[in-house]
N, C-alpha and C. Protein backbone atom coordinates (compact mmCIF):
# COMPACT_ATOMS: atom_id res chain seq x y z
N UNK A 1 121.37 89.34 129.22
CA UNK A 1 121.34 90.31 129.48
C UNK A 1 121.16 90.78 128.25
N UNK A 2 120.84 91.77 127.11
CA UNK A 2 121.46 92.09 126.20
C UNK A 2 122.01 93.30 126.49
N UNK A 3 123.38 93.54 125.35
CA UNK A 3 123.91 94.12 125.11
C UNK A 3 123.56 96.09 125.94
N UNK A 4 122.24 96.46 125.88
CA UNK A 4 121.92 97.32 126.45
C UNK A 4 121.05 97.72 127.54
N UNK A 5 120.41 96.15 127.84
CA UNK A 5 119.97 96.52 129.24
C UNK A 5 120.37 96.82 130.60
N UNK A 6 120.11 97.29 131.58
CA UNK A 6 120.58 97.88 132.87
C UNK A 6 119.35 97.28 133.57
N UNK A 7 120.15 97.31 135.06
CA UNK A 7 118.94 96.75 135.83
C UNK A 7 118.01 97.59 136.05
N UNK A 8 117.03 97.07 136.49
CA UNK A 8 115.46 97.58 136.53
C UNK A 8 115.37 98.75 137.81
N UNK A 9 116.28 98.87 138.60
CA UNK A 9 116.21 99.84 139.29
C UNK A 9 116.80 101.44 138.67
N UNK A 10 117.31 101.17 137.77
CA UNK A 10 117.85 102.37 137.05
C UNK A 10 116.82 103.11 136.15
N UNK A 11 116.70 104.09 136.50
CA UNK A 11 115.41 104.77 135.72
C UNK A 11 116.42 105.84 134.53
N UNK A 12 116.05 105.37 133.66
CA UNK A 12 116.34 106.23 132.59
C UNK A 12 115.37 107.77 131.71
N UNK A 13 116.20 108.54 131.64
CA UNK A 13 115.74 109.69 130.92
C UNK A 13 115.04 109.34 129.56
N UNK A 14 114.26 110.32 129.21
CA UNK A 14 113.44 110.02 127.95
C UNK A 14 114.50 110.31 126.62
N UNK A 15 115.25 111.04 126.69
CA UNK A 15 116.73 111.21 125.98
C UNK A 15 117.57 109.67 126.01
N UNK A 16 117.17 109.39 127.24
CA UNK A 16 118.77 107.96 127.17
C UNK A 16 117.56 106.63 126.11
N UNK A 17 115.96 106.84 126.63
CA UNK A 17 115.25 105.92 125.71
C UNK A 17 115.35 105.90 124.64
N UNK A 18 115.63 107.38 124.17
CA UNK A 18 115.45 107.64 122.56
C UNK A 18 116.62 107.02 121.82
N UNK A 19 117.94 107.36 122.57
CA UNK A 19 119.11 107.01 122.06
C UNK A 19 119.10 105.25 121.98
N UNK A 20 118.08 104.27 123.09
CA UNK A 20 118.34 103.45 122.77
C UNK A 20 117.24 102.67 121.73
N UNK A 21 116.38 103.64 121.43
CA UNK A 21 115.76 102.91 120.51
C UNK A 21 115.75 103.05 119.21
N UNK A 22 116.65 104.13 119.06
CA UNK A 22 117.22 104.75 117.94
C UNK A 22 118.36 103.35 117.41
N UNK A 23 119.03 103.07 118.73
CA UNK A 23 120.33 102.07 118.31
C UNK A 23 119.38 100.73 117.79
N UNK A 24 118.40 100.72 118.46
CA UNK A 24 118.06 99.11 118.02
C UNK A 24 116.83 99.24 116.91
N UNK A 25 116.71 100.42 116.44
CA UNK A 25 116.08 100.49 115.12
C UNK A 25 117.43 100.36 114.03
N UNK A 26 118.72 101.28 114.41
CA UNK A 26 119.17 100.84 113.63
C UNK A 26 120.33 99.64 113.46
N UNK A 27 120.13 98.97 114.45
CA UNK A 27 120.66 97.48 114.19
C UNK A 27 119.34 96.69 113.58
N UNK A 28 118.58 96.83 113.45
CA UNK A 28 117.71 96.16 112.73
C UNK A 28 117.97 95.83 111.48
N UNK A 29 118.78 96.84 110.49
CA UNK A 29 118.98 97.05 109.18
C UNK A 29 120.95 96.65 109.15
N UNK A 30 121.22 96.81 110.45
CA UNK A 30 122.83 96.77 109.90
C UNK A 30 123.54 95.81 108.95
N UNK A 31 122.85 94.35 109.08
CA UNK A 31 122.82 93.48 107.97
C UNK A 31 122.90 94.01 106.67
N UNK A 32 122.30 94.83 106.31
CA UNK A 32 122.03 95.19 104.78
C UNK A 32 123.66 96.35 104.57
N UNK A 33 124.23 96.84 105.44
CA UNK A 33 125.44 97.39 105.20
C UNK A 33 126.53 96.35 105.41
N UNK A 34 126.35 95.97 106.62
CA UNK A 34 127.18 94.62 106.92
C UNK A 34 127.29 93.37 105.94
N UNK A 35 126.74 93.49 105.11
CA UNK A 35 126.67 92.42 104.16
C UNK A 35 127.89 92.22 102.93
N UNK A 36 127.61 93.65 102.47
CA UNK A 36 128.32 94.04 101.38
C UNK A 36 129.82 94.55 101.79
N UNK A 37 129.44 95.21 102.88
CA UNK A 37 130.95 95.73 103.89
C UNK A 37 131.31 95.11 105.25
N UNK A 38 131.50 93.74 105.01
CA UNK A 38 131.89 93.47 106.76
C UNK A 38 132.90 93.54 107.60
N UNK A 39 133.83 94.49 106.66
CA UNK A 39 134.80 94.78 107.58
C UNK A 39 134.14 96.43 108.13
N UNK A 40 133.85 97.05 107.38
CA UNK A 40 133.68 98.63 107.54
C UNK A 40 132.53 98.24 109.15
N UNK A 41 133.62 98.61 110.40
CA UNK A 41 132.78 98.71 111.49
C UNK A 41 131.93 100.07 111.79
N UNK A 42 132.28 100.97 111.09
CA UNK A 42 131.97 102.10 111.93
C UNK A 42 130.31 102.34 112.06
N UNK A 43 129.30 101.93 111.36
CA UNK A 43 127.87 101.73 111.65
C UNK A 43 127.57 101.38 112.96
N UNK A 44 128.26 99.83 113.47
CA UNK A 44 127.85 99.09 114.23
C UNK A 44 128.85 100.05 115.75
N UNK A 45 129.67 100.70 115.54
CA UNK A 45 130.26 101.40 116.40
C UNK A 45 129.59 102.48 117.05
N UNK A 46 128.80 103.09 115.80
CA UNK A 46 128.49 104.10 116.12
C UNK A 46 126.89 103.58 116.86
N UNK A 47 126.25 102.33 116.62
CA UNK A 47 125.17 101.80 117.12
C UNK A 47 125.76 101.64 118.84
N UNK A 48 126.66 100.92 118.91
CA UNK A 48 127.88 100.64 120.23
C UNK A 48 127.89 102.03 121.10
N UNK A 49 128.12 103.15 120.33
CA UNK A 49 128.51 103.91 121.38
C UNK A 49 126.92 104.94 121.90
N UNK A 50 125.88 104.72 121.13
CA UNK A 50 124.93 105.06 121.64
C UNK A 50 124.31 104.49 123.03
N UNK A 51 124.59 103.31 122.73
CA UNK A 51 124.66 102.45 123.95
C UNK A 51 125.52 102.43 124.84
N UNK A 52 126.38 102.64 124.49
CA UNK A 52 127.54 103.07 126.01
C UNK A 52 127.37 104.43 126.29
N UNK A 53 126.70 105.28 126.05
CA UNK A 53 126.26 106.82 126.68
C UNK A 53 125.23 106.65 127.65
N UNK A 54 124.22 105.74 126.95
CA UNK A 54 123.43 105.49 127.98
C UNK A 54 123.87 104.68 129.46
N UNK A 55 124.94 103.72 129.34
CA UNK A 55 125.42 103.18 130.15
C UNK A 55 126.10 104.14 131.30
N UNK A 56 126.54 105.33 130.70
CA UNK A 56 127.52 106.11 131.28
C UNK A 56 128.88 105.89 130.74
N UNK A 57 129.11 105.17 129.82
CA UNK A 57 130.58 104.85 129.71
C UNK A 57 130.82 105.40 128.88
N UNK A 58 130.56 106.39 128.22
CA UNK A 58 131.07 107.33 126.72
C UNK A 58 130.50 108.59 127.18
N UNK A 59 130.96 109.76 126.35
CA UNK A 59 130.99 111.09 126.56
C UNK A 59 130.20 111.33 125.12
N UNK A 60 129.81 112.31 125.25
CA UNK A 60 129.36 112.78 123.71
C UNK A 60 129.84 113.18 123.01
N UNK A 61 130.79 113.60 123.29
CA UNK A 61 131.87 114.11 121.68
C UNK A 61 132.48 112.93 121.34
N UNK A 62 132.85 111.69 122.08
CA UNK A 62 133.19 110.48 121.51
C UNK A 62 132.03 109.92 120.65
N UNK A 63 130.70 109.65 121.03
CA UNK A 63 129.61 109.62 120.14
C UNK A 63 129.37 109.98 118.91
N UNK A 64 129.64 111.65 119.03
CA UNK A 64 129.63 112.42 118.09
C UNK A 64 130.69 112.04 116.89
N UNK A 65 131.97 112.16 117.57
CA UNK A 65 133.14 110.93 116.25
C UNK A 65 132.43 109.78 115.97
N UNK A 66 131.15 109.03 116.25
CA UNK A 66 130.82 107.80 115.85
C UNK A 66 130.49 108.15 115.19
N UNK A 67 129.01 108.63 115.34
CA UNK A 67 128.30 109.51 114.09
C UNK A 67 128.54 109.80 113.21
N UNK A 68 129.87 110.77 112.97
CA UNK A 68 130.29 111.21 111.84
C UNK A 68 131.03 110.18 111.15
N UNK A 69 131.65 109.11 111.89
CA UNK A 69 132.18 108.00 110.89
C UNK A 69 131.22 107.24 110.48
N UNK A 70 130.54 106.94 111.29
CA UNK A 70 129.12 106.26 110.13
C UNK A 70 128.77 106.93 108.99
N UNK A 71 128.17 108.13 109.37
CA UNK A 71 127.82 108.53 108.08
C UNK A 71 128.96 108.90 106.96
N UNK A 72 130.45 108.70 107.24
CA UNK A 72 131.35 108.69 106.56
C UNK A 72 131.39 107.47 105.75
N UNK A 73 131.13 106.48 106.48
CA UNK A 73 130.71 105.19 105.92
C UNK A 73 129.60 104.90 104.59
N UNK A 74 128.67 106.02 105.11
CA UNK A 74 127.51 106.03 104.13
C UNK A 74 127.99 106.61 102.90
N UNK A 75 128.66 107.62 102.65
CA UNK A 75 129.08 107.77 101.69
C UNK A 75 130.12 107.17 100.89
N UNK A 76 130.43 106.00 101.20
CA UNK A 76 131.37 105.52 100.84
C UNK A 76 130.52 104.56 99.96
N UNK A 77 129.58 103.73 100.80
CA UNK A 77 128.94 102.34 100.56
C UNK A 77 128.04 102.75 99.09
N UNK A 78 127.65 101.71 98.29
CA UNK A 78 126.85 101.36 96.96
C UNK A 78 125.58 101.51 96.81
N UNK A 79 125.30 100.59 97.55
CA UNK A 79 123.97 100.76 97.50
C UNK A 79 122.91 101.84 98.18
N UNK A 80 121.62 101.87 97.82
CA UNK A 80 120.92 102.80 98.63
C UNK A 80 120.58 102.09 99.93
N UNK A 81 120.58 100.80 100.19
CA UNK A 81 120.45 100.21 101.18
C UNK A 81 121.47 100.38 102.35
N UNK A 82 122.18 100.15 101.39
CA UNK A 82 123.94 100.29 102.61
C UNK A 82 123.64 101.45 103.03
N UNK A 83 123.76 102.48 101.99
CA UNK A 83 123.84 103.76 102.55
C UNK A 83 122.47 104.39 103.56
N UNK A 84 121.41 103.62 103.99
CA UNK A 84 120.14 103.92 104.73
C UNK A 84 120.80 103.69 105.78
N UNK A 85 121.16 102.51 105.60
CA UNK A 85 121.66 101.62 106.88
C UNK A 85 122.45 102.28 107.81
N UNK A 86 123.60 102.47 107.20
CA UNK A 86 124.59 103.52 107.97
C UNK A 86 124.46 104.80 108.46
N UNK A 87 123.68 105.38 107.66
CA UNK A 87 122.79 106.58 108.13
C UNK A 87 121.71 106.39 109.33
N UNK A 88 121.25 104.96 109.52
CA UNK A 88 120.57 104.88 110.74
C UNK A 88 121.32 104.84 111.84
N UNK A 89 122.36 104.18 111.53
CA UNK A 89 123.42 104.00 112.55
C UNK A 89 123.65 105.36 113.21
N UNK A 90 124.55 106.39 112.31
CA UNK A 90 124.47 107.53 112.07
C UNK A 90 123.73 108.36 113.21
N UNK A 91 122.42 108.28 112.99
CA UNK A 91 121.45 108.74 113.51
C UNK A 91 121.41 108.39 115.00
N UNK A 92 121.53 107.30 115.29
CA UNK A 92 121.83 106.68 116.42
C UNK A 92 122.81 107.17 117.50
N UNK A 93 124.03 107.50 116.98
CA UNK A 93 125.04 107.84 117.85
C UNK A 93 124.37 109.77 117.84
N UNK A 94 124.01 109.95 116.87
CA UNK A 94 123.66 111.68 116.94
C UNK A 94 122.85 111.56 117.78
N UNK A 95 121.93 110.81 118.01
CA UNK A 95 120.69 111.57 119.27
C UNK A 95 121.48 111.63 120.38
N UNK A 96 122.45 111.28 120.89
CA UNK A 96 123.28 111.71 122.23
C UNK A 96 123.27 112.96 122.15
N UNK A 97 123.85 113.35 121.29
CA UNK A 97 123.92 114.79 121.22
C UNK A 97 122.75 115.57 121.13
N UNK A 98 121.50 115.27 120.10
CA UNK A 98 120.58 115.94 119.72
C UNK A 98 119.45 114.99 120.12
N UNK A 99 118.26 115.22 120.57
CA UNK A 99 117.42 113.51 121.18
C UNK A 99 116.48 113.77 119.78
N UNK A 100 116.53 114.84 118.97
CA UNK A 100 115.77 114.84 117.61
C UNK A 100 116.49 114.00 116.51
N UNK A 101 117.84 113.34 116.82
CA UNK A 101 118.01 112.69 115.60
C UNK A 101 117.08 111.05 115.68
N UNK A 102 116.51 110.98 116.88
CA UNK A 102 116.12 109.33 117.11
C UNK A 102 114.91 109.26 115.85
N UNK A 103 114.07 109.83 115.48
CA UNK A 103 113.06 109.25 114.32
C UNK A 103 113.86 109.17 113.35
N UNK A 104 114.86 110.32 112.97
CA UNK A 104 115.30 110.14 111.50
C UNK A 104 116.37 108.53 111.50
N UNK A 105 116.93 108.09 112.45
CA UNK A 105 117.58 106.92 112.80
C UNK A 105 116.55 105.71 112.16
N UNK A 106 115.23 106.01 112.67
CA UNK A 106 113.90 104.79 112.43
C UNK A 106 113.97 105.36 111.16
N UNK A 107 113.51 106.53 110.76
CA UNK A 107 113.41 106.42 109.00
C UNK A 107 114.40 106.24 108.22
N UNK A 108 115.63 106.43 108.46
CA UNK A 108 116.39 105.23 107.98
C UNK A 108 117.12 104.07 107.58
N UNK A 109 116.29 103.40 108.89
CA UNK A 109 116.38 102.32 109.12
C UNK A 109 114.93 101.80 108.07
N UNK A 110 113.91 102.75 107.93
CA UNK A 110 112.99 101.95 107.08
C UNK A 110 112.93 102.01 105.65
N UNK A 111 114.21 103.08 105.14
CA UNK A 111 114.33 103.22 103.87
C UNK A 111 115.32 102.53 103.89
N UNK A 112 116.11 101.87 104.53
CA UNK A 112 116.91 100.78 104.11
C UNK A 112 116.82 99.64 103.88
N UNK A 113 115.19 99.16 104.28
CA UNK A 113 114.65 97.82 103.82
C UNK A 113 113.07 98.58 103.32
N UNK A 114 113.17 99.55 102.72
CA UNK A 114 112.13 99.43 101.80
C UNK A 114 111.83 98.81 100.73
N UNK A 115 112.72 98.05 100.28
CA UNK A 115 112.45 96.99 99.17
C UNK A 115 112.24 95.61 100.01
N UNK A 116 112.63 95.06 100.87
CA UNK A 116 112.19 94.08 101.58
C UNK A 116 110.68 93.82 101.86
N UNK A 117 110.30 92.75 102.07
CA UNK A 117 109.09 92.15 102.08
C UNK A 117 108.80 92.56 103.89
N UNK A 118 109.61 92.50 104.67
CA UNK A 118 109.25 92.88 105.95
C UNK A 118 109.22 94.38 106.44
N UNK A 119 109.16 95.31 105.58
CA UNK A 119 108.87 96.72 105.88
C UNK A 119 107.77 97.23 106.72
N UNK A 120 106.75 96.69 106.25
CA UNK A 120 105.65 96.96 107.28
C UNK A 120 106.02 96.21 108.98
N UNK A 121 105.98 95.17 108.19
CA UNK A 121 106.59 94.40 110.18
C UNK A 121 107.66 95.72 110.76
N UNK A 122 108.62 96.08 109.97
CA UNK A 122 109.82 96.60 110.77
C UNK A 122 109.25 98.02 110.93
N UNK A 123 108.00 98.81 110.24
CA UNK A 123 107.59 99.80 110.98
C UNK A 123 106.91 99.79 112.25
N UNK A 124 106.04 98.70 112.29
CA UNK A 124 105.07 98.08 113.30
C UNK A 124 106.33 97.71 114.41
N UNK A 125 107.20 97.03 114.27
CA UNK A 125 107.96 97.00 115.39
C UNK A 125 108.84 97.89 115.99
N UNK A 126 109.20 99.14 114.99
CA UNK A 126 109.81 100.27 115.68
C UNK A 126 108.69 101.02 116.88
N UNK A 127 107.38 101.03 116.31
CA UNK A 127 106.31 101.46 117.21
C UNK A 127 106.39 101.12 117.97
N UNK A 128 106.26 99.41 118.22
CA UNK A 128 105.98 99.42 119.29
C UNK A 128 107.20 98.99 120.58
N UNK A 129 108.40 98.92 119.89
CA UNK A 129 109.48 99.03 120.57
C UNK A 129 109.82 100.62 121.36
N UNK A 130 109.26 101.96 120.81
CA UNK A 130 109.16 102.72 121.62
C UNK A 130 108.44 102.83 122.42
N UNK A 131 108.87 103.19 123.83
CA UNK A 131 108.10 103.48 124.88
C UNK A 131 106.85 104.14 125.05
N UNK A 132 105.87 103.72 125.11
CA UNK A 132 104.21 104.26 125.01
C UNK A 132 104.33 105.60 125.73
N UNK A 133 105.01 105.87 126.10
CA UNK A 133 104.81 107.82 126.75
C UNK A 133 105.36 108.43 125.52
N UNK A 134 106.56 108.01 124.63
CA UNK A 134 107.11 108.70 123.73
C UNK A 134 106.41 108.45 122.48
N UNK A 135 105.22 108.28 122.11
CA UNK A 135 104.68 107.65 120.94
C UNK A 135 103.96 108.33 120.39
N UNK A 136 103.58 109.33 121.05
CA UNK A 136 103.03 111.12 120.72
C UNK A 136 103.78 112.17 120.21
N UNK A 137 105.02 111.29 120.98
CA UNK A 137 106.18 112.48 120.58
C UNK A 137 107.10 112.52 119.35
N UNK A 138 107.17 111.14 119.34
CA UNK A 138 108.33 110.56 118.55
C UNK A 138 107.25 109.84 117.47
N UNK A 139 107.12 110.34 116.25
CA UNK A 139 106.32 109.90 115.19
C UNK A 139 107.09 109.01 113.75
N UNK A 140 107.28 107.56 114.21
CA UNK A 140 108.02 107.02 113.23
C UNK A 140 107.25 106.72 112.05
N UNK A 141 108.19 107.19 110.99
CA UNK A 141 107.25 106.65 109.69
C UNK A 141 106.41 105.09 109.53
């Protein structure tokens, strides 16, 4: 069972589904931050905060704090890929507070891998990972 998987009988709201999707998008590019900054756990903690909120283990304020911390990590990063990766994680956590942050997480994830050969595959993965009924609501890049 993945870290964010819940029992089948648990019905998730669209807001929760968007938070999980944003966390998944951010996690895909997390190595682009953690490679150069292996000791800075703030982006990883932001992703974990979004998932913990979905599971009912964390409140909105704590998730917002994690989002702010990941943005602070982004400000200290030097490469555009690491900055975008940290920002993707920050927006994943911020989705807890405002669902409209979810597409920003996806866009920053794509920005993080802009110079990677698999960018088109990443974009397709994001769209397929998004629940079908949300695909017309959220339009990833």
